[in-house]
C-alpha atoms as a PDB file:
ATOM      1  CA  MET A   1      70.233 227.210 -99.811  1.00  0.00           C
ATOM      2  CA  LYS A   2      69.419 223.656-101.019  1.00  0.00           C
ATOM      3  CA  THR A   3      69.737 222.363 -97.472  1.00  0.00           C
ATOM      4  CA  PHE A   4      67.347 225.003 -96.217  1.00  0.00           C
ATOM      5  CA  LEU A   5      64.753 224.217 -98.885  1.00  0.00           C
ATOM      6  CA  SER A   6      64.977 220.459 -98.348  1.00  0.00           C
ATOM      7  CA  GLY A   7      64.672 220.991 -94.571  1.00  0.00           C
ATOM      8  CA  LEU A   8      61.652 223.201 -95.158  1.00  0.00           C
ATOM      9  CA  ALA A   9      60.070 220.546 -97.382  1.00  0.00           C
ATOM     10  CA  VAL A  10      60.585 217.834 -94.771  1.00  0.00           C
ATOM     11  CA  MET A  11      59.158 220.077 -92.059  1.00  0.00           C
ATOM     12  CA  SER A  12      56.068 220.867 -94.132  1.00  0.00           C
ATOM     13  CA  LEU A  13      55.447 217.139 -94.664  1.00  0.00           C
ATOM     14  CA  CYS A  14      55.701 216.506 -90.921  1.00  0.00           C
ATOM     15  CA  VAL A  15      53.324 219.344 -90.087  1.00  0.00           C
ATOM     16  CA  GLY A  16      50.863 218.099 -92.714  1.00  0.00           C
ATOM     17  CA  SER A  17      50.840 214.581 -91.324  1.00  0.00           C
ATOM     18  CA  VAL A  18      50.299 215.861 -87.766  1.00  0.00           C
ATOM     19  CA  ALA A  19      47.405 218.019 -88.936  1.00  0.00           C
ATOM     20  CA  PHE A  20      45.910 215.042 -90.799  1.00  0.00           C
ATOM     21  CA  ALA A  21      46.174 212.861 -87.700  1.00  0.00           C
ATOM     22  CA  GLN A  22      44.479 215.504 -85.556  1.00  0.00           C
ATOM     23  CA  LEU A  23      41.521 215.728 -87.935  1.00  0.00           C
ATOM     24  CA  ALA A  24      40.796 212.050 -87.462  1.00  0.00           C
ATOM     25  CA  GLU A  25      40.765 212.132 -83.659  1.00  0.00           C
ATOM     26  CA  ILE A  26      37.507 211.342 -81.902  1.00  0.00           C
ATOM     27  CA  PRO A  27      37.640 212.656 -78.330  1.00  0.00           C
ATOM     28  CA  GLY A  28      36.636 210.128 -75.712  1.00  0.00           C
ATOM     29  CA  ILE A  29      35.778 207.245 -78.039  1.00  0.00           C
ATOM     30  CA  ASP A  30      39.017 205.324 -77.530  1.00  0.00           C
ATOM     31  CA  GLN A  31      38.925 205.750 -73.755  1.00  0.00           C
ATOM     32  CA  ARG A  32      35.284 204.783 -73.616  1.00  0.00           C
ATOM     33  CA  GLN A  33      35.995 201.708 -75.724  1.00  0.00           C
ATOM     34  CA  ALA A  34      38.743 200.692 -73.292  1.00  0.00           C
ATOM     35  CA  ASN A  35      36.435 201.260 -70.299  1.00  0.00           C
ATOM     36  CA  GLN A  36      33.689 199.117 -71.795  1.00  0.00           C
ATOM     37  CA  GLU A  37      36.101 196.313 -72.620  1.00  0.00           C
ATOM     38  CA  GLN A  38      37.318 196.476 -69.029  1.00  0.00           C
ATOM     39  CA  ARG A  39      33.697 196.244 -67.802  1.00  0.00           C
ATOM     40  CA  ILE A  40      33.220 193.121 -69.914  1.00  0.00           C
ATOM     41  CA  ASP A  41      36.415 191.562 -68.547  1.00  0.00           C
ATOM     42  CA  GLN A  42      35.319 192.410 -65.006  1.00  0.00           C
ATOM     43  CA  GLY A  43      31.935 190.776 -65.661  1.00  0.00           C
ATOM     44  CA  ILE A  44      33.654 187.615 -66.844  1.00  0.00           C
ATOM     45  CA  ALA A  45      35.954 187.536 -63.813  1.00  0.00           C
ATOM     46  CA  SER A  46      33.121 188.072 -61.338  1.00  0.00           C
ATOM     47  CA  GLY A  47      30.851 185.547 -63.016  1.00  0.00           C
ATOM     48  CA  GLN A  48      28.195 188.140 -63.858  1.00  0.00           C
ATOM     49  CA  LEU A  49      28.582 187.393 -67.575  1.00  0.00           C
ATOM     50  CA  THR A  50      28.289 184.005 -69.192  1.00  0.00           C
ATOM     51  CA  GLY A  51      30.646 183.031 -71.991  1.00  0.00           C
ATOM     52  CA  HIS A  52      27.970 183.615 -74.633  1.00  0.00           C
ATOM     53  CA  GLU A  53      27.096 187.041 -73.250  1.00  0.00           C
ATOM     54  CA  ALA A  54      30.752 188.058 -73.139  1.00  0.00           C
ATOM     55  CA  ALA A  55      31.337 186.867 -76.703  1.00  0.00           C
ATOM     56  CA  ARG A  56      28.308 188.818 -77.924  1.00  0.00           C
ATOM     57  CA  LEU A  57      29.427 191.959 -76.094  1.00  0.00           C
ATOM     58  CA  ASN A  58      32.966 191.629 -77.477  1.00  0.00           C
ATOM     59  CA  ARG A  59      31.585 191.307 -81.024  1.00  0.00           C
ATOM     60  CA  GLN A  60      29.562 194.461 -80.408  1.00  0.00           C
ATOM     61  CA  GLN A  61      32.731 196.286 -79.340  1.00  0.00           C
ATOM     62  CA  ASP A  62      34.513 194.992 -82.458  1.00  0.00           C
ATOM     63  CA  ARG A  63      31.742 196.412 -84.647  1.00  0.00           C
ATOM     64  CA  ILE A  64      32.094 199.793 -82.951  1.00  0.00           C
ATOM     65  CA  ASP A  65      35.849 199.648 -83.516  1.00  0.00           C
ATOM     66  CA  LYS A  66      35.244 198.967 -87.231  1.00  0.00           C
ATOM     67  CA  MET A  67      32.809 201.900 -87.359  1.00  0.00           C
ATOM     68  CA  GLU A  68      35.486 204.108 -85.826  1.00  0.00           C
ATOM     69  CA  ASN A  69      38.137 202.947 -88.288  1.00  0.00           C
ATOM     70  CA  HIS A  70      35.753 203.540 -91.181  1.00  0.00           C
ATOM     71  CA  ALA A  71      34.977 207.043 -89.902  1.00  0.00           C
ATOM     72  CA  LYS A  72      38.681 207.844 -89.605  1.00  0.00           C
ATOM     73  CA  ALA A  73      39.576 206.376 -93.016  1.00  0.00           C
ATOM     74  CA  ASP A  74      39.228 209.630 -94.953  1.00  0.00           C
ATOM     75  CA  GLY A  75      40.968 211.699 -92.275  1.00  0.00           C
ATOM     76  CA  VAL A  76      37.890 213.689 -91.280  1.00  0.00           C
ATOM     77  CA  VAL A  77      35.301 212.546 -88.773  1.00  0.00           C
ATOM     78  CA  THR A  78      32.055 214.381 -89.430  1.00  0.00           C
ATOM     79  CA  LYS A  79      29.528 215.356 -86.781  1.00  0.00           C
ATOM     80  CA  ARG A  80      27.189 212.673 -88.066  1.00  0.00           C
ATOM     81  CA  GLU A  81      29.867 209.977 -87.819  1.00  0.00           C
ATOM     82  CA  ARG A  82      30.788 211.132 -84.315  1.00  0.00           C
ATOM     83  CA  ALA A  83      27.127 211.080 -83.275  1.00  0.00           C
ATOM     84  CA  ARG A  84      26.687 207.547 -84.668  1.00  0.00           C
ATOM     85  CA  LEU A  85      29.748 206.365 -82.740  1.00  0.00           C
ATOM     86  CA  HIS A  86      28.508 207.915 -79.508  1.00  0.00           C
ATOM     87  CA  ALA A  87      25.047 206.394 -80.041  1.00  0.00           C
ATOM     88  CA  ALA A  88      26.593 202.966 -80.658  1.00  0.00           C
ATOM     89  CA  GLN A  89      28.696 203.333 -77.500  1.00  0.00           C
ATOM     90  CA  ASP A  90      25.596 204.374 -75.519  1.00  0.00           C
ATOM     91  CA  HIS A  91      23.733 201.310 -76.752  1.00  0.00           C
ATOM     92  CA  ALA A  92      26.692 199.041 -75.957  1.00  0.00           C
ATOM     93  CA  SER A  93      26.983 200.507 -72.459  1.00  0.00           C
ATOM     94  CA  ARG A  94      23.319 199.810 -71.738  1.00  0.00           C
ATOM     95  CA  THR A  95      23.675 196.292 -73.112  1.00  0.00           C
ATOM     96  CA  ILE A  96      26.698 195.603 -70.901  1.00  0.00           C
ATOM     97  CA  ALA A  97      24.849 196.844 -67.815  1.00  0.00           C
ATOM     98  CA  ARG A  98      21.735 194.836 -68.671  1.00  0.00           C
ATOM     99  CA  GLN A  99      23.715 191.629 -69.259  1.00  0.00           C
ATOM    100  CA  LYS A 100      25.765 192.028 -66.089  1.00  0.00           C
ATOM    101  CA  HIS A 101      22.656 192.402 -63.952  1.00  0.00           C
ATOM    102  CA  ASP A 102      20.319 189.839 -65.517  1.00  0.00           C
ATOM    103  CA  ARG A 103      20.967 187.255 -62.796  1.00  0.00           C
ATOM    104  CA  GLN A 104      22.533 184.811 -65.224  1.00  0.00           C
ATOM    105  CA  HIS A 105      25.803 183.480 -63.860  1.00  0.00           C
ATOM    106  CA  ARG A 106      28.302 181.067 -65.300  1.00  0.00           C
END
């Protein structure tokens, strides 16, 4: 009986941690972050972005990453936090596009 109860306790802890992790998920943000970082790297490789532009864009992505970590810190990402993250990603995407096509080359 003790083995059963201790097994049940361990299982309930595992289920609780999985549920906690699922609450803090933000669909699409991580993939979008990776895509935008790839766009920046591609801009550097093609010469469309100068070193200063790339550094600025990378700092912007770092700030968004910090926003995401802050939103996930309490285990629940609210609608408002999700909307702020999406708005920040939208702004960053436009900035990347504008910098890549501003005719400044390295």
